[in-house]
Amino acid sequence: MVKAPKGYRHRTRKLFKKNVREKGSIPPLSLVLREYKEGEKVHIVINPSVHKGMPYRRFHGKTSVVLGKRGKAYIVKVMMGDKEKILFVRPEHMRPLNIPQAQQA
């Protein structure tokens, strides 16, 4: 019997699947060029077509707080249960947290 592989992207076939109707495999420039400020909340949404700066699959769909910037990547803090994890994520794998206008006031 062959042992199951335990690579960095194992068991991600459905998790990293892209929408069939999505145009192109590259992320939109508005997401790549967006500057995030310190303390801003972001969602981690992994783009499988960009391998650089990709966080581990466990963090896909989590909300995090931007702590700073290191090179092209951002330093983000994610809460996993009661533990705090620090990640280095490129902007291709991040989406800004959209808070409705009624809640901002």
C-alpha atoms as a PDB file:
ATOM      1  CA  MET A   1       0.000   0.000   0.000  1.00  0.00           C
ATOM      2  CA  VAL A   2       1.252   3.470  -0.914  1.00  0.00           C
ATOM      3  CA  LYS A   3       1.443   6.059   1.819  1.00  0.00           C
ATOM      4  CA  ALA A   4      -0.718   9.179   1.267  1.00  0.00           C
ATOM      5  CA  PRO A   5       1.303  12.292   0.340  1.00  0.00           C
ATOM      6  CA  LYS A   6       1.465  15.073   2.902  1.00  0.00           C
ATOM      7  CA  GLY A   7       2.591  17.937   0.675  1.00  0.00           C
ATOM      8  CA  TYR A   8       1.922  21.622   1.253  1.00  0.00           C
ATOM      9  CA  ARG A   9      -1.203  21.580  -0.942  1.00  0.00           C
ATOM     10  CA  HIS A  10      -2.569  18.109  -0.154  1.00  0.00           C
ATOM     11  CA  ARG A  11      -6.380  17.830   0.071  1.00  0.00           C
ATOM     12  CA  THR A  12      -6.932  21.197  -1.628  1.00  0.00           C
ATOM     13  CA  ARG A  13      -8.671  20.050  -4.828  1.00  0.00           C
ATOM     14  CA  LYS A  14     -12.048  21.529  -3.841  1.00  0.00           C
ATOM     15  CA  LEU A  15     -10.730  24.216  -1.496  1.00  0.00           C
ATOM     16  CA  PHE A  16      -8.601  25.950  -4.139  1.00  0.00           C
ATOM     17  CA  LYS A  17     -10.958  25.349  -7.092  1.00  0.00           C
ATOM     18  CA  LYS A  18     -11.634  28.482  -9.133  1.00  0.00           C
ATOM     19  CA  ASN A  19     -14.949  29.470 -10.681  1.00  0.00           C
ATOM     20  CA  VAL A  20     -15.287  28.097 -14.225  1.00  0.00           C
ATOM     21  CA  ARG A  21     -16.813  31.346 -15.488  1.00  0.00           C
ATOM     22  CA  GLU A  22     -14.088  33.550 -14.004  1.00  0.00           C
ATOM     23  CA  LYS A  23     -12.170  35.380 -16.719  1.00  0.00           C
ATOM     24  CA  GLY A  24      -8.435  34.756 -16.738  1.00  0.00           C
ATOM     25  CA  SER A  25      -6.331  33.110 -14.102  1.00  0.00           C
ATOM     26  CA  ILE A  26      -4.501  36.224 -12.910  1.00  0.00           C
ATOM     27  CA  PRO A  27      -5.987  38.234 -10.042  1.00  0.00           C
ATOM     28  CA  PRO A  28      -7.460  41.681 -10.797  1.00  0.00           C
ATOM     29  CA  LEU A  29      -4.968  44.527 -10.466  1.00  0.00           C
ATOM     30  CA  SER A  30      -7.247  46.348  -8.032  1.00  0.00           C
ATOM     31  CA  LEU A  31      -6.554  43.597  -5.475  1.00  0.00           C
ATOM     32  CA  VAL A  32      -2.829  43.280  -6.177  1.00  0.00           C
ATOM     33  CA  LEU A  33      -2.047  47.000  -6.081  1.00  0.00           C
ATOM     34  CA  ARG A  34      -4.252  47.846  -3.087  1.00  0.00           C
ATOM     35  CA  GLU A  35      -2.376  49.212  -0.075  1.00  0.00           C
ATOM     36  CA  TYR A  36      -3.537  47.994   3.336  1.00  0.00           C
ATOM     37  CA  LYS A  37      -3.079  50.121   6.439  1.00  0.00           C
ATOM     38  CA  GLU A  38      -1.903  48.890   9.802  1.00  0.00           C
ATOM     39  CA  GLY A  39      -4.851  47.705  11.905  1.00  0.00           C
ATOM     40  CA  GLU A  40      -7.104  47.103   8.882  1.00  0.00           C
ATOM     41  CA  LYS A  41      -9.118  43.871   8.856  1.00  0.00           C
ATOM     42  CA  VAL A  42      -8.831  41.581   5.838  1.00  0.00           C
ATOM     43  CA  HIS A  43     -10.133  38.186   4.720  1.00  0.00           C
ATOM     44  CA  ILE A  44      -7.597  35.580   3.633  1.00  0.00           C
ATOM     45  CA  VAL A  45      -8.856  34.146   0.332  1.00  0.00           C
ATOM     46  CA  ILE A  46      -6.136  32.066  -1.305  1.00  0.00           C
ATOM     47  CA  ASN A  47      -5.682  32.483  -5.056  1.00  0.00           C
ATOM     48  CA  PRO A  48      -4.364  29.114  -6.311  1.00  0.00           C
ATOM     49  CA  SER A  49      -2.860  30.551  -9.509  1.00  0.00           C
ATOM     50  CA  VAL A  50      -0.363  32.655  -7.509  1.00  0.00           C
ATOM     51  CA  HIS A  51       2.089  30.494  -5.572  1.00  0.00           C
ATOM     52  CA  LYS A  52       4.230  33.216  -3.997  1.00  0.00           C
ATOM     53  CA  GLY A  53       3.120  34.506  -0.612  1.00  0.00           C
ATOM     54  CA  MET A  54       0.439  31.822  -0.301  1.00  0.00           C
ATOM     55  CA  PRO A  55      -0.540  30.975   3.286  1.00  0.00           C
ATOM     56  CA  TYR A  56      -1.231  27.417   4.402  1.00  0.00           C
ATOM     57  CA  ARG A  57      -4.696  26.056   3.505  1.00  0.00           C
ATOM     58  CA  ARG A  58      -5.810  26.091   7.152  1.00  0.00           C
ATOM     59  CA  PHE A  59      -6.024  29.901   6.982  1.00  0.00           C
ATOM     60  CA  HIS A  60      -8.266  30.060   3.855  1.00  0.00           C
ATOM     61  CA  GLY A  61     -11.435  32.005   4.695  1.00  0.00           C
ATOM     62  CA  LYS A  62     -10.155  33.431   7.983  1.00  0.00           C
ATOM     63  CA  THR A  63     -10.350  37.101   8.965  1.00  0.00           C
ATOM     64  CA  SER A  64      -7.142  38.739  10.116  1.00  0.00           C
ATOM     65  CA  VAL A  65      -5.648  42.084  11.129  1.00  0.00           C
ATOM     66  CA  VAL A  66      -2.789  43.734   9.220  1.00  0.00           C
ATOM     67  CA  LEU A  67       0.209  44.415  11.493  1.00  0.00           C
ATOM     68  CA  GLY A  68       2.623  45.837   8.937  1.00  0.00           C
ATOM     69  CA  LYS A  69       4.412  45.282   5.656  1.00  0.00           C
ATOM     70  CA  ARG A  70       7.549  43.308   4.810  1.00  0.00           C
ATOM     71  CA  GLY A  71       8.678  43.663   1.209  1.00  0.00           C
ATOM     72  CA  LYS A  72       5.697  42.989  -1.050  1.00  0.00           C
ATOM     73  CA  ALA A  73       3.937  40.904   1.616  1.00  0.00           C
ATOM     74  CA  TYR A  74       1.888  41.971   4.620  1.00  0.00           C
ATOM     75  CA  ILE A  75       2.289  40.740   8.166  1.00  0.00           C
ATOM     76  CA  VAL A  76      -1.141  39.644   9.407  1.00  0.00           C
ATOM     77  CA  LYS A  77      -2.376  38.287  12.729  1.00  0.00           C
ATOM     78  CA  VAL A  78      -4.920  35.445  12.708  1.00  0.00           C
ATOM     79  CA  MET A  79      -6.691  34.004  15.740  1.00  0.00           C
ATOM     80  CA  MET A  80      -6.840  30.183  15.655  1.00  0.00           C
ATOM     81  CA  GLY A  81      -8.973  29.315  18.647  1.00  0.00           C
ATOM     82  CA  ASP A  82      -7.248  31.009  21.586  1.00  0.00           C
ATOM     83  CA  LYS A  83      -3.846  31.186  19.854  1.00  0.00           C
ATOM     84  CA  GLU A  84      -2.504  34.047  17.789  1.00  0.00           C
ATOM     85  CA  LYS A  85      -0.703  33.222  14.529  1.00  0.00           C
ATOM     86  CA  ILE A  86       1.486  35.608  12.535  1.00  0.00           C
ATOM     87  CA  LEU A  87       1.498  35.120   8.743  1.00  0.00           C
ATOM     88  CA  PHE A  88       3.266  36.748   5.827  1.00  0.00           C
ATOM     89  CA  VAL A  89       0.686  37.033   3.034  1.00  0.00           C
ATOM     90  CA  ARG A  90       0.877  38.741  -0.332  1.00  0.00           C
ATOM     91  CA  PRO A  91      -2.055  40.987  -1.359  1.00  0.00           C
ATOM     92  CA  GLU A  92      -3.183  38.513  -4.058  1.00  0.00           C
ATOM     93  CA  HIS A  93      -4.442  36.288  -1.235  1.00  0.00           C
ATOM     94  CA  MET A  94      -6.218  39.031   0.733  1.00  0.00           C
ATOM     95  CA  ARG A  95      -9.576  40.818   0.386  1.00  0.00           C
ATOM     96  CA  PRO A  96     -10.568  43.942   2.331  1.00  0.00           C
ATOM     97  CA  LEU A  97     -13.261  43.493   4.960  1.00  0.00           C
ATOM     98  CA  ASN A  98     -16.367  45.337   3.746  1.00  0.00           C
ATOM     99  CA  ILE A  99     -18.315  46.712   6.695  1.00  0.00           C
ATOM    100  CA  PRO A 100     -21.820  48.040   5.882  1.00  0.00           C
ATOM    101  CA  GLN A 101     -22.160  51.842   6.217  1.00  0.00           C
ATOM    102  CA  ALA A 102     -24.738  51.544   9.037  1.00  0.00           C
ATOM    103  CA  GLN A 103     -22.239  49.726  11.284  1.00  0.00           C
ATOM    104  CA  GLN A 104     -19.345  52.157  10.645  1.00  0.00           C
ATOM    105  CA  ALA A 105     -21.052  55.143  12.308  1.00  0.00           C
END
